[in-house]
Amino acid sequence: KRKGLITFVDASQSIGNTNIHVEDDYIDMMAFSCHKSLM
């Protein structure tokens, strides 16, 4: 963000397996799967 970049994150494995706070984590865009740890 300090460099003026957008941050895109693939959270397919993480969502449902760890806590994610998109704003506090500086995530501008995030893709994820719904059939893994979201069950």
PDB file of all heavy atoms in Angstrom:
ATOM      1  N   LYS A   1       0.830  -1.202   0.000  1.00  0.00           N
ATOM      2  CA  LYS A   1       0.000   0.000   0.000  1.00  0.00           C
ATOM      3  C   LYS A   1       0.863   1.250   0.000  1.00  0.00           C
ATOM      4  O   LYS A   1       0.547   2.258  -0.664  1.00  0.00           O
ATOM      5  CB  LYS A   1      -0.940  -0.017   1.203  1.00  0.00           C
ATOM      6  CG  LYS A   1      -1.945   1.132   1.185  1.00  0.00           C
ATOM      7  CD  LYS A   1      -2.949   1.019   2.332  1.00  0.00           C
ATOM      8  CE  LYS A   1      -3.968   2.142   2.254  1.00  0.00           C
ATOM      9  NZ  LYS A   1      -4.982   2.035   3.337  1.00  0.00           N
ATOM     10  N   ARG A   2       1.976   1.202   0.745  1.00  0.00           N
ATOM     11  CA  ARG A   2       2.882   2.359   0.767  1.00  0.00           C
ATOM     12  C   ARG A   2       3.466   2.624  -0.622  1.00  0.00           C
ATOM     13  O   ARG A   2       3.824   3.766  -0.938  1.00  0.00           O
ATOM     14  CB  ARG A   2       4.005   2.136   1.777  1.00  0.00           C
ATOM     15  CG  ARG A   2       3.586   2.326   3.225  1.00  0.00           C
ATOM     16  CD  ARG A   2       4.782   2.493   4.132  1.00  0.00           C
ATOM     17  NE  ARG A   2       5.570   1.277   4.237  1.00  0.00           N
ATOM     18  CZ  ARG A   2       5.390   0.340   5.165  1.00  0.00           C
ATOM     19  NH1 ARG A   2       4.437   0.513   6.073  1.00  0.00           N
ATOM     20  NH2 ARG A   2       6.140  -0.740   5.192  1.00  0.00           N
ATOM     21  N   LYS A   3       3.553   1.563  -1.424  1.00  0.00           N
ATOM     22  CA  LYS A   3       4.065   1.712  -2.789  1.00  0.00           C
ATOM     23  C   LYS A   3       2.955   2.055  -3.777  1.00  0.00           C
ATOM     24  O   LYS A   3       3.197   2.176  -4.979  1.00  0.00           O
ATOM     25  CB  LYS A   3       4.742   0.414  -3.243  1.00  0.00           C
ATOM     26  CG  LYS A   3       5.899  -0.041  -2.357  1.00  0.00           C
ATOM     27  CD  LYS A   3       7.070   0.923  -2.419  1.00  0.00           C
ATOM     28  CE  LYS A   3       8.224   0.438  -1.553  1.00  0.00           C
ATOM     29  NZ  LYS A   3       9.332   1.426  -1.523  1.00  0.00           N
ATOM     30  N   GLY A   4       1.734   2.204  -3.265  1.00  0.00           N
ATOM     31  CA  GLY A   4       0.607   2.530  -4.136  1.00  0.00           C
ATOM     32  C   GLY A   4       0.075   1.342  -4.900  1.00  0.00           C
ATOM     33  O   GLY A   4      -0.618   1.510  -5.917  1.00  0.00           O
ATOM     34  N   LEU A   5       0.349   0.114  -4.408  1.00  0.00           N
ATOM     35  CA  LEU A   5      -0.075  -1.099  -5.108  1.00  0.00           C
ATOM     36  C   LEU A   5      -1.374  -1.644  -4.531  1.00  0.00           C
ATOM     37  O   LEU A   5      -1.680  -1.465  -3.351  1.00  0.00           O
ATOM     38  CB  LEU A   5       1.009  -2.183  -5.008  1.00  0.00           C
ATOM     39  CG  LEU A   5       2.417  -1.810  -5.460  1.00  0.00           C
ATOM     40  CD1 LEU A   5       3.341  -3.021  -5.316  1.00  0.00           C
ATOM     41  CD2 LEU A   5       2.420  -1.306  -6.893  1.00  0.00           C
ATOM     42  N   ILE A   6      -2.115  -2.331  -5.382  1.00  0.00           N
ATOM     43  CA  ILE A   6      -3.279  -3.103  -4.950  1.00  0.00           C
ATOM     44  C   ILE A   6      -2.790  -4.486  -4.505  1.00  0.00           C
ATOM     45  O   ILE A   6      -1.913  -5.086  -5.128  1.00  0.00           O
ATOM     46  CB  ILE A   6      -4.288  -3.250  -6.110  1.00  0.00           C
ATOM     47  CG1 ILE A   6      -4.899  -1.887  -6.465  1.00  0.00           C
ATOM     48  CG2 ILE A   6      -5.380  -4.261  -5.783  1.00  0.00           C
ATOM     49  CD1 ILE A   6      -5.736  -1.271  -5.360  1.00  0.00           C
ATOM     50  N   THR A   7      -3.373  -4.994  -3.414  1.00  0.00           N
ATOM     51  CA  THR A   7      -3.005  -6.329  -2.932  1.00  0.00           C
ATOM     52  C   THR A   7      -4.127  -7.321  -3.211  1.00  0.00           C
ATOM     53  O   THR A   7      -5.255  -7.140  -2.747  1.00  0.00           O
ATOM     54  CB  THR A   7      -2.695  -6.294  -1.427  1.00  0.00           C
ATOM     55  OG1 THR A   7      -1.570  -5.458  -1.196  1.00  0.00           O
ATOM     56  CG2 THR A   7      -2.376  -7.702  -0.919  1.00  0.00           C
ATOM     57  N   PHE A   8      -3.791  -8.355  -3.990  1.00  0.00           N
ATOM     58  CA  PHE A   8      -4.729  -9.428  -4.341  1.00  0.00           C
ATOM     59  C   PHE A   8      -4.235 -10.707  -3.671  1.00  0.00           C
ATOM     60  O   PHE A   8      -3.068 -11.081  -3.815  1.00  0.00           O
ATOM     61  CB  PHE A   8      -4.768  -9.614  -5.857  1.00  0.00           C
ATOM     62  CG  PHE A   8      -5.707 -10.697  -6.332  1.00  0.00           C
ATOM     63  CD1 PHE A   8      -6.923 -10.364  -6.926  1.00  0.00           C
ATOM     64  CD2 PHE A   8      -5.397 -12.039  -6.196  1.00  0.00           C
ATOM     65  CE1 PHE A   8      -7.792 -11.357  -7.364  1.00  0.00           C
ATOM     66  CE2 PHE A   8      -6.260 -13.035  -6.619  1.00  0.00           C
ATOM     67  CZ  PHE A   8      -7.459 -12.688  -7.212  1.00  0.00           C
ATOM     68  N   VAL A   9      -5.129 -11.370  -2.951  1.00  0.00           N
ATOM     69  CA  VAL A   9      -4.754 -12.566  -2.198  1.00  0.00           C
ATOM     70  C   VAL A   9      -5.661 -13.741  -2.566  1.00  0.00           C
ATOM     71  O   VAL A   9      -6.881 -13.582  -2.673  1.00  0.00           O
ATOM     72  CB  VAL A   9      -4.847 -12.292  -0.676  1.00  0.00           C
ATOM     73  CG1 VAL A   9      -4.747 -13.578   0.118  1.00  0.00           C
ATOM     74  CG2 VAL A   9      -3.746 -11.332  -0.247  1.00  0.00           C
ATOM     75  N   ASP A  10      -5.037 -14.911  -2.767  1.00  0.00           N
ATOM     76  CA  ASP A  10      -5.782 -16.159  -2.938  1.00  0.00           C
ATOM     77  C   ASP A  10      -5.862 -16.833  -1.573  1.00  0.00           C
ATOM     78  O   ASP A  10      -4.859 -17.337  -1.055  1.00  0.00           O
ATOM     79  CB  ASP A  10      -5.069 -17.060  -3.951  1.00  0.00           C
ATOM     80  CG  ASP A  10      -5.680 -18.464  -4.019  1.00  0.00           C
ATOM     81  OD1 ASP A  10      -6.777 -18.680  -3.475  1.00  0.00           O
ATOM     82  OD2 ASP A  10      -5.035 -19.359  -4.615  1.00  0.00           O
ATOM     83  N   ALA A  11      -7.059 -16.844  -0.994  1.00  0.00           N
ATOM     84  CA  ALA A  11      -7.251 -17.398   0.347  1.00  0.00           C
ATOM     85  C   ALA A  11      -8.027 -18.710   0.311  1.00  0.00           C
ATOM     86  O   ALA A  11      -8.721 -19.054   1.275  1.00  0.00           O
ATOM     87  CB  ALA A  11      -7.974 -16.389   1.224  1.00  0.00           C
ATOM     88  N   SER A  12      -7.879 -19.464  -0.771  1.00  0.00           N
ATOM     89  CA  SER A  12      -8.649 -20.704  -0.923  1.00  0.00           C
ATOM     90  C   SER A  12      -8.421 -21.682   0.225  1.00  0.00           C
ATOM     91  O   SER A  12      -9.356 -22.349   0.678  1.00  0.00           O
ATOM     92  CB  SER A  12      -8.298 -21.372  -2.253  1.00  0.00           C
ATOM     93  OG  SER A  12      -8.692 -20.565  -3.332  1.00  0.00           O
ATOM     94  N   GLN A  13      -7.176 -21.788   0.692  1.00  0.00           N
ATOM     95  CA  GLN A  13      -6.889 -22.701   1.798  1.00  0.00           C
ATOM     96  C   GLN A  13      -7.079 -22.034   3.155  1.00  0.00           C
ATOM     97  O   GLN A  13      -7.378 -22.707   4.142  1.00  0.00           O
ATOM     98  CB  GLN A  13      -5.451 -23.215   1.688  1.00  0.00           C
ATOM     99  CG  GLN A  13      -5.178 -24.095   0.481  1.00  0.00           C
ATOM    100  CD  GLN A  13      -5.957 -25.403   0.524  1.00  0.00           C
ATOM    101  OE1 GLN A  13      -6.388 -25.867   1.586  1.00  0.00           O
ATOM    102  NE2 GLN A  13      -6.155 -26.004  -0.639  1.00  0.00           N
ATOM    103  N   SER A  14      -6.912 -20.723   3.213  1.00  0.00           N
ATOM    104  CA  SER A  14      -6.887 -20.033   4.506  1.00  0.00           C
ATOM    105  C   SER A  14      -8.262 -19.767   5.091  1.00  0.00           C
ATOM    106  O   SER A  14      -8.461 -19.902   6.300  1.00  0.00           O
ATOM    107  CB  SER A  14      -6.153 -18.699   4.353  1.00  0.00           C
ATOM    108  OG  SER A  14      -4.823 -18.908   3.949  1.00  0.00           O
ATOM    109  N   ILE A  15      -9.216 -19.380   4.232  1.00  0.00           N
ATOM    110  CA  ILE A  15     -10.518 -18.999   4.762  1.00  0.00           C
ATOM    111  C   ILE A  15     -11.168 -20.197   5.462  1.00  0.00           C
ATOM    112  O   ILE A  15     -11.249 -21.290   4.923  1.00  0.00           O
ATOM    113  CB  ILE A  15     -11.422 -18.435   3.639  1.00  0.00           C
ATOM    114  CG1 ILE A  15     -12.664 -17.780   4.222  1.00  0.00           C
ATOM    115  CG2 ILE A  15     -11.781 -19.504   2.607  1.00  0.00           C
ATOM    116  CD1 ILE A  15     -13.463 -16.941   3.233  1.00  0.00           C
ATOM    117  N   GLY A  16     -11.561 -19.995   6.700  1.00  0.00           N
ATOM    118  CA  GLY A  16     -12.098 -21.084   7.507  1.00  0.00           C
ATOM    119  C   GLY A  16     -11.042 -21.826   8.306  1.00  0.00           C
ATOM    120  O   GLY A  16     -11.369 -22.618   9.184  1.00  0.00           O
ATOM    121  N   ASN A  17      -9.757 -21.555   8.007  1.00  0.00           N
ATOM    122  CA  ASN A  17      -8.653 -22.195   8.733  1.00  0.00           C
ATOM    123  C   ASN A  17      -7.843 -21.202   9.548  1.00  0.00           C
ATOM    124  O   ASN A  17      -6.972 -21.595  10.317  1.00  0.00           O
ATOM    125  CB  ASN A  17      -7.709 -22.911   7.758  1.00  0.00           C
ATOM    126  CG  ASN A  17      -8.125 -24.343   7.501  1.00  0.00           C
ATOM    127  OD1 ASN A  17      -8.651 -25.006   8.388  1.00  0.00           O
ATOM    128  ND2 ASN A  17      -7.900 -24.814   6.290  1.00  0.00           N
ATOM    129  N   THR A  18      -8.109 -19.923   9.350  1.00  0.00           N
ATOM    130  CA  THR A  18      -7.445 -18.875  10.122  1.00  0.00           C
ATOM    131  C   THR A  18      -8.334 -17.643  10.090  1.00  0.00           C
ATOM    132  O   THR A  18      -9.224 -17.521   9.253  1.00  0.00           O
ATOM    133  CB  THR A  18      -6.047 -18.561   9.547  1.00  0.00           C
ATOM    134  OG1 THR A  18      -5.343 -17.719  10.458  1.00  0.00           O
ATOM    135  CG2 THR A  18      -6.149 -17.873   8.186  1.00  0.00           C
ATOM    136  N   ASN A  19      -8.110 -16.740  11.004  1.00  0.00           N
ATOM    137  CA  ASN A  19      -8.898 -15.511  11.041  1.00  0.00           C
ATOM    138  C   ASN A  19      -8.382 -14.532   9.986  1.00  0.00           C
ATOM    139  O   ASN A  19      -7.174 -14.304   9.881  1.00  0.00           O
ATOM    140  CB  ASN A  19      -8.810 -14.865  12.427  1.00  0.00           C
ATOM    141  CG  ASN A  19      -9.618 -15.622  13.463  1.00  0.00           C
ATOM    142  OD1 ASN A  19     -10.844 -15.658  13.395  1.00  0.00           O
ATOM    143  ND2 ASN A  19      -8.938 -16.260  14.402  1.00  0.00           N
ATOM    144  N   ILE A  20      -9.301 -13.960   9.225  1.00  0.00           N
ATOM    145  CA  ILE A  20      -8.968 -12.984   8.196  1.00  0.00           C
ATOM    146  C   ILE A  20      -9.779 -11.725   8.441  1.00  0.00           C
ATOM    147  O   ILE A  20     -10.990 -11.779   8.633  1.00  0.00           O
ATOM    148  CB  ILE A  20      -9.266 -13.535   6.786  1.00  0.00           C
ATOM    149  CG1 ILE A  20      -8.358 -14.733   6.475  1.00  0.00           C
ATOM    150  CG2 ILE A  20      -9.086 -12.451   5.732  1.00  0.00           C
ATOM    151  CD1 ILE A  20      -8.681 -15.418   5.150  1.00  0.00           C
ATOM    152  N   HIS A  21      -9.099 -10.591   8.447  1.00  0.00           N
ATOM    153  CA  HIS A  21      -9.747  -9.282   8.569  1.00  0.00           C
ATOM    154  C   HIS A  21      -9.257  -8.466   7.384  1.00  0.00           C
ATOM    155  O   HIS A  21      -8.142  -7.936   7.408  1.00  0.00           O
ATOM    156  CB  HIS A  21      -9.371  -8.616   9.892  1.00  0.00           C
ATOM    157  CG  HIS A  21     -10.200  -7.424  10.235  1.00  0.00           C
ATOM    158  ND1 HIS A  21     -10.312  -6.319   9.396  1.00  0.00           N
ATOM    159  CD2 HIS A  21     -10.979  -7.153  11.326  1.00  0.00           C
ATOM    160  CE1 HIS A  21     -11.104  -5.428   9.958  1.00  0.00           C
ATOM    161  NE2 HIS A  21     -11.526  -5.906  11.125  1.00  0.00           N
ATOM    162  N   VAL A  22     -10.075  -8.379   6.338  1.00  0.00           N
ATOM    163  CA  VAL A  22      -9.594  -7.846   5.070  1.00  0.00           C
ATOM    164  C   VAL A  22      -9.034  -6.426   5.190  1.00  0.00           C
ATOM    165  O   VAL A  22      -8.025  -6.099   4.547  1.00  0.00           O
ATOM    166  CB  VAL A  22     -10.688  -7.912   3.973  1.00  0.00           C
ATOM    167  CG1 VAL A  22     -10.885  -9.338   3.505  1.00  0.00           C
ATOM    168  CG2 VAL A  22     -12.005  -7.297   4.450  1.00  0.00           C
ATOM    169  N   GLU A  23      -9.645  -5.598   5.993  1.00  0.00           N
ATOM    170  CA  GLU A  23      -9.142  -4.226   6.117  1.00  0.00           C
ATOM    171  C   GLU A  23      -7.874  -4.173   6.957  1.00  0.00           C
ATOM    172  O   GLU A  23      -6.872  -3.566   6.552  1.00  0.00           O
ATOM    173  CB  GLU A  23     -10.228  -3.315   6.696  1.00  0.00           C
ATOM    174  CG  GLU A  23     -11.358  -3.005   5.722  1.00  0.00           C
ATOM    175  CD  GLU A  23     -12.189  -1.833   6.184  1.00  0.00           C
ATOM    176  OE1 GLU A  23     -12.706  -1.887   7.313  1.00  0.00           O
ATOM    177  OE2 GLU A  23     -12.330  -0.871   5.406  1.00  0.00           O
ATOM    178  N   ASP A  24      -7.885  -4.798   8.114  1.00  0.00           N
ATOM    179  CA  ASP A  24      -6.692  -4.789   8.967  1.00  0.00           C
ATOM    180  C   ASP A  24      -5.519  -5.498   8.300  1.00  0.00           C
ATOM    181  O   ASP A  24      -4.361  -5.192   8.590  1.00  0.00           O
ATOM    182  CB  ASP A  24      -6.996  -5.460  10.308  1.00  0.00           C
ATOM    183  CG  ASP A  24      -7.892  -4.611  11.194  1.00  0.00           C
ATOM    184  OD1 ASP A  24      -8.177  -3.458  10.808  1.00  0.00           O
ATOM    185  OD2 ASP A  24      -8.317  -5.100  12.260  1.00  0.00           O
ATOM    186  N   ASP A  25      -5.814  -6.458   7.422  1.00  0.00           N
ATOM    187  CA  ASP A  25      -4.772  -7.222   6.737  1.00  0.00           C
ATOM    188  C   ASP A  25      -4.336  -6.584   5.417  1.00  0.00           C
ATOM    189  O   ASP A  25      -3.550  -7.177   4.678  1.00  0.00           O
ATOM    190  CB  ASP A  25      -5.245  -8.657   6.484  1.00  0.00           C
ATOM    191  CG  ASP A  25      -5.435  -9.439   7.774  1.00  0.00           C
ATOM    192  OD1 ASP A  25      -4.868  -9.023   8.796  1.00  0.00           O
ATOM    193  OD2 ASP A  25      -6.152 -10.456   7.752  1.00  0.00           O
ATOM    194  N   TYR A  26      -4.879  -5.412   5.103  1.00  0.00           N
ATOM    195  CA  TYR A  26      -4.511  -4.665   3.892  1.00  0.00           C
ATOM    196  C   TYR A  26      -4.777  -5.465   2.615  1.00  0.00           C
ATOM    197  O   TYR A  26      -3.989  -5.479   1.689  1.00  0.00           O
ATOM    198  CB  TYR A  26      -3.036  -4.253   3.941  1.00  0.00           C
ATOM    199  CG  TYR A  26      -2.734  -3.261   5.047  1.00  0.00           C
ATOM    200  CD1 TYR A  26      -2.303  -3.699   6.294  1.00  0.00           C
ATOM    201  CD2 TYR A  26      -2.896  -1.901   4.840  1.00  0.00           C
ATOM    202  CE1 TYR A  26      -2.046  -2.800   7.322  1.00  0.00           C
ATOM    203  CE2 TYR A  26      -2.629  -0.987   5.865  1.00  0.00           C
ATOM    204  CZ  TYR A  26      -2.214  -1.453   7.100  1.00  0.00           C
ATOM    205  OH  TYR A  26      -1.966  -0.548   8.121  1.00  0.00           O
ATOM    206  N   ILE A  27      -5.909  -6.143   2.589  1.00  0.00           N
ATOM    207  CA  ILE A  27      -6.300  -6.939   1.420  1.00  0.00           C
ATOM    208  C   ILE A  27      -7.339  -6.148   0.620  1.00  0.00           C
ATOM    209  O   ILE A  27      -8.406  -5.811   1.132  1.00  0.00           O
ATOM    210  CB  ILE A  27      -6.878  -8.298   1.850  1.00  0.00           C
ATOM    211  CG1 ILE A  27      -5.799  -9.136   2.548  1.00  0.00           C
ATOM    212  CG2 ILE A  27      -7.429  -9.055   0.643  1.00  0.00           C
ATOM    213  CD1 ILE A  27      -6.322 -10.417   3.175  1.00  0.00           C
ATOM    214  N   ASP A  28      -7.009  -5.857  -0.626  1.00  0.00           N
ATOM    215  CA  ASP A  28      -7.929  -5.114  -1.496  1.00  0.00           C
ATOM    216  C   ASP A  28      -8.846  -6.035  -2.281  1.00  0.00           C
ATOM    217  O   ASP A  28      -9.972  -5.672  -2.605  1.00  0.00           O
ATOM    218  CB  ASP A  28      -7.138  -4.255  -2.487  1.00  0.00           C
ATOM    219  CG  ASP A  28      -6.305  -3.192  -1.798  1.00  0.00           C
ATOM    220  OD1 ASP A  28      -6.897  -2.352  -1.104  1.00  0.00           O
ATOM    221  OD2 ASP A  28      -5.079  -3.222  -1.940  1.00  0.00           O
ATOM    222  N   MET A  29      -8.339  -7.219  -2.613  1.00  0.00           N
ATOM    223  CA  MET A  29      -9.122  -8.181  -3.398  1.00  0.00           C
ATOM    224  C   MET A  29      -8.720  -9.579  -2.929  1.00  0.00           C
ATOM    225  O   MET A  29      -7.545  -9.858  -2.716  1.00  0.00           O
ATOM    226  CB  MET A  29      -8.858  -7.984  -4.897  1.00  0.00           C
ATOM    227  CG  MET A  29      -9.786  -8.740  -5.792  1.00  0.00           C
ATOM    228  SD  MET A  29      -9.955  -8.085  -7.502  1.00  0.00           S
ATOM    229  CE  MET A  29      -8.427  -7.234  -7.821  1.00  0.00           C
ATOM    230  N   MET A  30      -9.711 -10.459  -2.794  1.00  0.00           N
ATOM    231  CA  MET A  30      -9.433 -11.795  -2.270  1.00  0.00           C
ATOM    232  C   MET A  30     -10.361 -12.824  -2.906  1.00  0.00           C
ATOM    233  O   MET A  30     -11.577 -12.671  -2.892  1.00  0.00           O
ATOM    234  CB  MET A  30      -9.614 -11.823  -0.745  1.00  0.00           C
ATOM    235  CG  MET A  30      -9.245 -13.150  -0.098  1.00  0.00           C
ATOM    236  SD  MET A  30      -9.380 -13.092   1.704  1.00  0.00           S
ATOM    237  CE  MET A  30     -11.167 -13.206   1.911  1.00  0.00           C
ATOM    238  N   ALA A  31      -9.763 -13.854  -3.464  1.00  0.00           N
ATOM    239  CA  ALA A  31     -10.519 -14.974  -4.017  1.00  0.00           C
ATOM    240  C   ALA A  31     -10.479 -16.135  -3.033  1.00  0.00           C
ATOM    241  O   ALA A  31      -9.507 -16.302  -2.290  1.00  0.00           O
ATOM    242  CB  ALA A  31      -9.925 -15.397  -5.364  1.00  0.00           C
ATOM    243  N   PHE A  32     -11.531 -16.947  -3.047  1.00  0.00           N
ATOM    244  CA  PHE A  32     -11.556 -18.070  -2.112  1.00  0.00           C
ATOM    245  C   PHE A  32     -12.513 -19.156  -2.596  1.00  0.00           C
ATOM    246  O   PHE A  32     -13.373 -18.936  -3.446  1.00  0.00           O
ATOM    247  CB  PHE A  32     -11.961 -17.607  -0.707  1.00  0.00           C
ATOM    248  CG  PHE A  32     -13.267 -16.868  -0.647  1.00  0.00           C
ATOM    249  CD1 PHE A  32     -14.463 -17.532  -0.437  1.00  0.00           C
ATOM    250  CD2 PHE A  32     -13.295 -15.494  -0.793  1.00  0.00           C
ATOM    251  CE1 PHE A  32     -15.666 -16.844  -0.386  1.00  0.00           C
ATOM    252  CE2 PHE A  32     -14.488 -14.786  -0.739  1.00  0.00           C
ATOM    253  CZ  PHE A  32     -15.674 -15.465  -0.530  1.00  0.00           C
ATOM    254  N   SER A  33     -12.328 -20.324  -2.028  1.00  0.00           N
ATOM    255  CA  SER A  33     -13.169 -21.477  -2.311  1.00  0.00           C
ATOM    256  C   SER A  33     -14.187 -21.638  -1.193  1.00  0.00           C
ATOM    257  O   SER A  33     -13.922 -21.274  -0.049  1.00  0.00           O
ATOM    258  CB  SER A  33     -12.293 -22.732  -2.413  1.00  0.00           C
ATOM    259  OG  SER A  33     -13.079 -23.886  -2.528  1.00  0.00           O
ATOM    260  N   CYS A  34     -15.341 -22.222  -1.516  1.00  0.00           N
ATOM    261  CA  CYS A  34     -16.399 -22.385  -0.512  1.00  0.00           C
ATOM    262  C   CYS A  34     -16.600 -23.832  -0.074  1.00  0.00           C
ATOM    263  O   CYS A  34     -17.434 -24.093   0.804  1.00  0.00           O
ATOM    264  CB  CYS A  34     -17.719 -21.829  -1.051  1.00  0.00           C
ATOM    265  SG  CYS A  34     -17.685 -20.051  -1.370  1.00  0.00           S
ATOM    266  N   HIS A  35     -15.861 -24.776  -0.671  1.00  0.00           N
ATOM    267  CA  HIS A  35     -16.109 -26.193  -0.362  1.00  0.00           C
ATOM    268  C   HIS A  35     -14.985 -26.834   0.443  1.00  0.00           C
ATOM    269  O   HIS A  35     -15.057 -28.013   0.771  1.00  0.00           O
ATOM    270  CB  HIS A  35     -16.308 -26.984  -1.662  1.00  0.00           C
ATOM    271  CG  HIS A  35     -15.086 -27.080  -2.512  1.00  0.00           C
ATOM    272  ND1 HIS A  35     -14.246 -28.164  -2.483  1.00  0.00           N
ATOM    273  CD2 HIS A  35     -14.561 -26.224  -3.417  1.00  0.00           C
ATOM    274  CE1 HIS A  35     -13.250 -27.978  -3.333  1.00  0.00           C
ATOM    275  NE2 HIS A  35     -13.428 -26.796  -3.907  1.00  0.00           N
ATOM    276  N   LYS A  36     -13.958 -26.059   0.779  1.00  0.00           N
ATOM    277  CA  LYS A  36     -12.866 -26.607   1.587  1.00  0.00           C
ATOM    278  C   LYS A  36     -13.197 -26.389   3.062  1.00  0.00           C
ATOM    279  O   LYS A  36     -14.117 -27.011   3.579  1.00  0.00           O
ATOM    280  CB  LYS A  36     -11.540 -25.975   1.159  1.00  0.00           C
ATOM    281  CG  LYS A  36     -11.192 -26.221  -0.320  1.00  0.00           C
ATOM    282  CD  LYS A  36      -9.879 -25.581  -0.708  1.00  0.00           C
ATOM    283  CE  LYS A  36      -9.622 -25.643  -2.216  1.00  0.00           C
ATOM    284  NZ  LYS A  36      -9.380 -27.008  -2.693  1.00  0.00           N
ATOM    285  N   SER A  37     -12.496 -25.485   3.728  1.00  0.00           N
ATOM    286  CA  SER A  37     -12.749 -25.304   5.161  1.00  0.00           C
ATOM    287  C   SER A  37     -14.032 -24.547   5.469  1.00  0.00           C
ATOM    288  O   SER A  37     -14.431 -24.473   6.630  1.00  0.00           O
ATOM    289  CB  SER A  37     -11.553 -24.608   5.811  1.00  0.00           C
ATOM    290  OG  SER A  37     -10.445 -25.489   5.825  1.00  0.00           O
ATOM    291  N   LEU A  38     -14.684 -23.975   4.453  1.00  0.00           N
ATOM    292  CA  LEU A  38     -16.012 -23.406   4.675  1.00  0.00           C
ATOM    293  C   LEU A  38     -17.084 -24.489   4.631  1.00  0.00           C
ATOM    294  O   LEU A  38     -18.239 -24.238   5.009  1.00  0.00           O
ATOM    295  CB  LEU A  38     -16.313 -22.311   3.644  1.00  0.00           C
ATOM    296  CG  LEU A  38     -15.453 -21.051   3.732  1.00  0.00           C
ATOM    297  CD1 LEU A  38     -15.937 -20.015   2.730  1.00  0.00           C
ATOM    298  CD2 LEU A  38     -15.450 -20.469   5.136  1.00  0.00           C
ATOM    299  N   MET A  39     -16.736 -25.665   4.101  1.00  0.00           N
ATOM    300  CA  MET A  39     -17.551 -26.881   4.196  1.00  0.00           C
ATOM    301  C   MET A  39     -18.863 -26.841   3.424  1.00  0.00           C
ATOM    302  O   MET A  39     -19.806 -27.553   3.748  1.00  0.00           O
ATOM    303  CB  MET A  39     -17.808 -27.250   5.662  1.00  0.00           C
ATOM    304  CG  MET A  39     -16.537 -27.529   6.437  1.00  0.00           C
ATOM    305  SD  MET A  39     -16.792 -28.233   8.085  1.00  0.00           S
ATOM    306  CE  MET A  39     -17.482 -26.834   8.948  1.00  0.00           C
TER     307      MET A  39
END
